Amino acid sequence: KQSISFYGSSDCFLFQMEPTFGVFRPLPESEQVKNSNNFMYLCTSSRHDVKLNGLAIGGTVQKPRVHITENFEKCEAGSFDYSFEKGSLLASDWDRYFDVEDIEVWGIGDDESTKRAMEDRRETRFAADALLRKAQKVNKSLLLMDFNSRAVDNKYFAHKDFTSDHQDMWQVK
């Protein structure tokens, strides 16, 4: 959800798939300090004027544990924050920045939320398909006129020039 502050609960966790599998759970209450409940944050510049735009997990607005930017480039992952267990999320402890190449999004909700989401997806796909079909349609008569007028560089009608230049050769005397 869009928010200008962190939200979530101790049900959240971080995980790493490669080079090894790792799960980083929220810190136990005995180890919690200020900012220990900074689990998730999602804010885009189109909605709010804030310092941090994108998705953040753990850390603070000034220094998130994981920050996925709006364009998925120059993202950041640290190895420490006050919300989750310590550990590197990237291949090396020295790695901090990365670009997202693939993303998988899961939606969880009640039946009504799922129906709305599926309908929105259907409408979005229908609109995208309509634009694609429109872009693929070719007005053949206009295309032929473009070829004939030489607006498009081609040799398809070069024979016309040849025949018009040599008209007298084809006349019977």
Protein backbone atom coordinates (compact mmCIF):
# COMPACT_ATOMS: atom_id res chain seq x y z
CA LYS A 1 0.00 0.00 0.00
CA GLN A 2 1.12 3.57 -0.61
CA SER A 3 2.41 5.24 2.54
CA ILE A 4 4.86 7.94 3.57
CA SER A 5 5.86 5.88 6.61
CA PHE A 6 6.89 2.30 7.32
CA TYR A 7 4.24 -0.31 8.12
CA GLY A 8 3.97 -4.07 8.55
CA SER A 9 4.44 -6.52 11.38
CA SER A 10 6.80 -9.17 12.65
CA ASP A 11 5.20 -11.52 10.09
CA CYS A 12 7.51 -9.92 7.49
CA PHE A 13 10.90 -11.37 6.63
CA LEU A 14 13.71 -10.99 4.09
CA PHE A 15 15.18 -13.84 2.11
CA GLN A 16 18.03 -14.52 -0.27
CA MET A 17 17.87 -17.15 -3.03
CA GLU A 18 21.39 -17.01 -4.51
CA PRO A 19 24.26 -17.75 -4.12
CA THR A 20 22.88 -19.46 -1.00
CA PHE A 21 19.43 -19.57 0.51
CA GLY A 22 18.96 -17.45 3.61
CA VAL A 23 16.04 -16.14 5.67
CA PHE A 24 16.36 -13.01 7.79
CA ARG A 25 13.56 -12.82 10.34
CA PRO A 26 12.56 -9.82 12.46
CA LEU A 27 14.73 -9.28 15.52
CA PRO A 28 13.40 -10.71 18.78
CA GLU A 29 11.82 -8.15 21.15
CA SER A 30 14.85 -8.38 23.46
CA GLU A 31 17.10 -7.03 20.66
CA GLN A 32 14.74 -4.38 19.32
CA VAL A 33 15.64 -0.69 19.46
CA LYS A 34 14.40 2.45 17.74
CA ASN A 35 13.20 1.79 14.15
CA SER A 36 12.74 -1.94 14.85
CA ASN A 37 9.28 -1.84 13.30
CA ASN A 38 10.36 -0.44 9.94
CA PHE A 39 9.26 -3.47 7.98
CA MET A 40 7.88 -2.14 4.67
CA TYR A 41 7.51 1.16 2.88
CA LEU A 42 6.06 1.95 -0.54
CA CYS A 43 5.83 5.46 -1.88
CA THR A 44 6.03 6.76 -5.44
CA SER A 45 6.91 10.31 -6.43
CA SER A 46 3.65 10.62 -8.30
CA ARG A 47 1.73 10.52 -5.02
CA HIS A 48 3.94 12.28 -2.47
CA ASP A 49 6.93 14.57 -2.26
CA VAL A 50 9.26 12.49 -0.10
CA LYS A 51 12.97 11.72 0.17
CA LEU A 52 12.67 8.02 -0.64
CA ASN A 53 10.65 6.83 -3.63
CA GLY A 54 10.04 3.18 -4.36
CA LEU A 55 9.85 0.09 -2.18
CA ALA A 56 11.93 -0.12 1.01
CA ILE A 57 12.23 -2.99 3.44
CA GLY A 58 13.87 -2.49 6.83
CA GLY A 59 16.22 0.31 7.83
CA THR A 60 15.13 3.93 7.68
CA VAL A 61 14.04 6.38 5.01
CA GLN A 62 17.61 7.73 5.02
CA LYS A 63 19.21 4.28 4.86
CA PRO A 64 16.90 1.38 4.00
CA ARG A 65 18.06 -2.23 4.26
CA VAL A 66 16.58 -2.95 0.82
CA HIS A 67 15.53 -0.21 -1.59
CA ILE A 68 13.92 -1.05 -4.93
CA THR A 69 13.75 2.14 -6.99
CA GLU A 70 10.82 3.09 -9.21
CA ASN A 71 12.76 2.23 -12.38
CA PHE A 72 14.43 -0.92 -10.89
CA GLU A 73 17.90 0.55 -11.51
CA LYS A 74 20.55 1.44 -8.92
CA CYS A 75 18.70 -0.45 -6.20
CA GLU A 76 20.37 -1.00 -2.85
CA ALA A 77 20.69 -3.85 -0.35
CA GLY A 78 22.54 -3.66 2.94
CA SER A 79 23.49 -6.35 5.42
CA PHE A 80 22.25 -4.69 8.62
CA ASP A 81 19.25 -2.80 10.04
CA TYR A 82 17.31 -2.69 13.31
CA SER A 83 14.28 -4.64 12.06
CA PHE A 84 15.73 -7.88 10.65
CA GLU A 85 18.54 -10.31 11.44
CA LYS A 86 22.00 -9.43 10.10
CA GLY A 87 23.26 -10.93 6.87
CA SER A 88 24.16 -10.02 3.32
CA LEU A 89 21.38 -10.21 0.77
CA LEU A 90 23.76 -10.02 -2.19
CA ALA A 91 26.52 -12.36 -3.35
CA SER A 92 29.27 -10.50 -1.48
CA ASP A 93 29.35 -8.44 1.69
CA TRP A 94 30.93 -5.69 -0.42
CA ASP A 95 28.06 -5.61 -2.89
CA ARG A 96 25.50 -2.93 -2.15
CA TYR A 97 23.97 -1.81 -5.46
CA PHE A 98 22.13 -3.82 -8.09
CA ASP A 99 19.64 -3.56 -10.95
CA VAL A 100 16.49 -5.66 -10.96
CA GLU A 101 16.40 -7.97 -13.98
CA ASP A 102 13.30 -10.03 -13.12
CA ILE A 103 10.51 -9.51 -10.65
CA GLU A 104 7.68 -11.74 -9.52
CA VAL A 105 4.73 -10.20 -7.72
CA TRP A 106 2.23 -12.13 -5.68
CA GLY A 107 -1.08 -10.72 -4.55
CA ILE A 108 -2.85 -11.95 -1.47
CA GLY A 109 -6.35 -10.90 -0.54
CA ASP A 110 -9.96 -11.92 -0.17
CA ASP A 111 -12.13 -13.13 -3.06
CA GLU A 112 -13.43 -9.63 -3.84
CA SER A 113 -9.90 -8.17 -4.03
CA THR A 114 -8.81 -11.02 -6.28
CA LYS A 115 -11.81 -10.50 -8.60
CA ARG A 116 -11.11 -6.76 -8.85
CA ALA A 117 -7.42 -7.39 -9.55
CA MET A 118 -8.23 -9.96 -12.25
CA GLU A 119 -10.74 -7.59 -13.88
CA ASP A 120 -8.20 -4.74 -13.82
CA ARG A 121 -5.62 -7.04 -15.41
CA ARG A 122 -8.13 -8.10 -18.08
CA GLU A 123 -8.96 -4.47 -18.89
CA THR A 124 -5.28 -3.52 -19.04
CA ARG A 125 -4.48 -6.42 -21.36
CA PHE A 126 -7.50 -5.62 -23.55
CA ALA A 127 -6.38 -1.99 -23.89
CA ALA A 128 -2.80 -3.05 -24.68
CA ASP A 129 -4.02 -5.58 -27.27
CA ALA A 130 -6.27 -2.93 -28.88
CA LEU A 131 -3.30 -0.57 -29.21
CA LEU A 132 -1.20 -3.34 -30.69
CA ARG A 133 -3.91 -4.25 -33.21
CA LYS A 134 -4.28 -0.59 -34.18
CA ALA A 135 -0.52 -0.26 -34.66
CA GLN A 136 -0.48 -3.40 -36.81
CA LYS A 137 -3.24 -2.26 -39.16
CA VAL A 138 -1.98 -0.91 -42.45
CA ASN A 139 -4.01 1.27 -44.78
CA LYS A 140 -2.92 -0.45 -47.97
CA SER A 141 -4.03 2.30 -50.32
CA LEU A 142 -2.04 4.91 -48.35
CA LEU A 143 0.96 2.61 -48.25
CA LEU A 144 0.75 2.12 -52.01
CA MET A 145 0.49 5.89 -52.52
CA ASP A 146 3.59 6.37 -50.34
CA PHE A 147 5.51 3.85 -52.42
CA ASN A 148 4.27 5.37 -55.66
CA SER A 149 5.13 8.94 -54.60
CA ARG A 150 8.60 7.84 -53.50
CA ALA A 151 7.95 9.10 -49.95
CA VAL A 152 9.39 5.73 -49.02
CA ASP A 153 12.70 5.00 -50.70
CA ASN A 154 12.10 1.96 -52.91
CA LYS A 155 12.55 0.53 -56.39
CA TYR A 156 9.11 -1.01 -56.73
CA PHE A 157 7.90 1.59 -59.21
CA ALA A 158 11.24 2.26 -60.93
CA HIS A 159 9.86 0.63 -64.09
CA LYS A 160 7.51 3.62 -64.48
CA ASP A 161 10.46 5.96 -64.88
CA PHE A 162 12.06 3.62 -67.37
CA THR A 163 8.93 3.31 -69.48
CA SER A 164 8.12 7.03 -69.42
CA ASP A 165 11.70 7.96 -70.45
CA HIS A 166 11.64 5.51 -73.33
CA GLN A 167 8.09 5.93 -74.56
CA ASP A 168 9.20 6.55 -78.13
CA MET A 169 10.95 3.18 -78.20
CA TRP A 170 7.67 1.37 -77.69
CA GLN A 171 5.71 3.19 -80.35
CA VAL A 172 5.13 1.34 -83.57
CA LYS A 173 6.01 3.36 -86.65
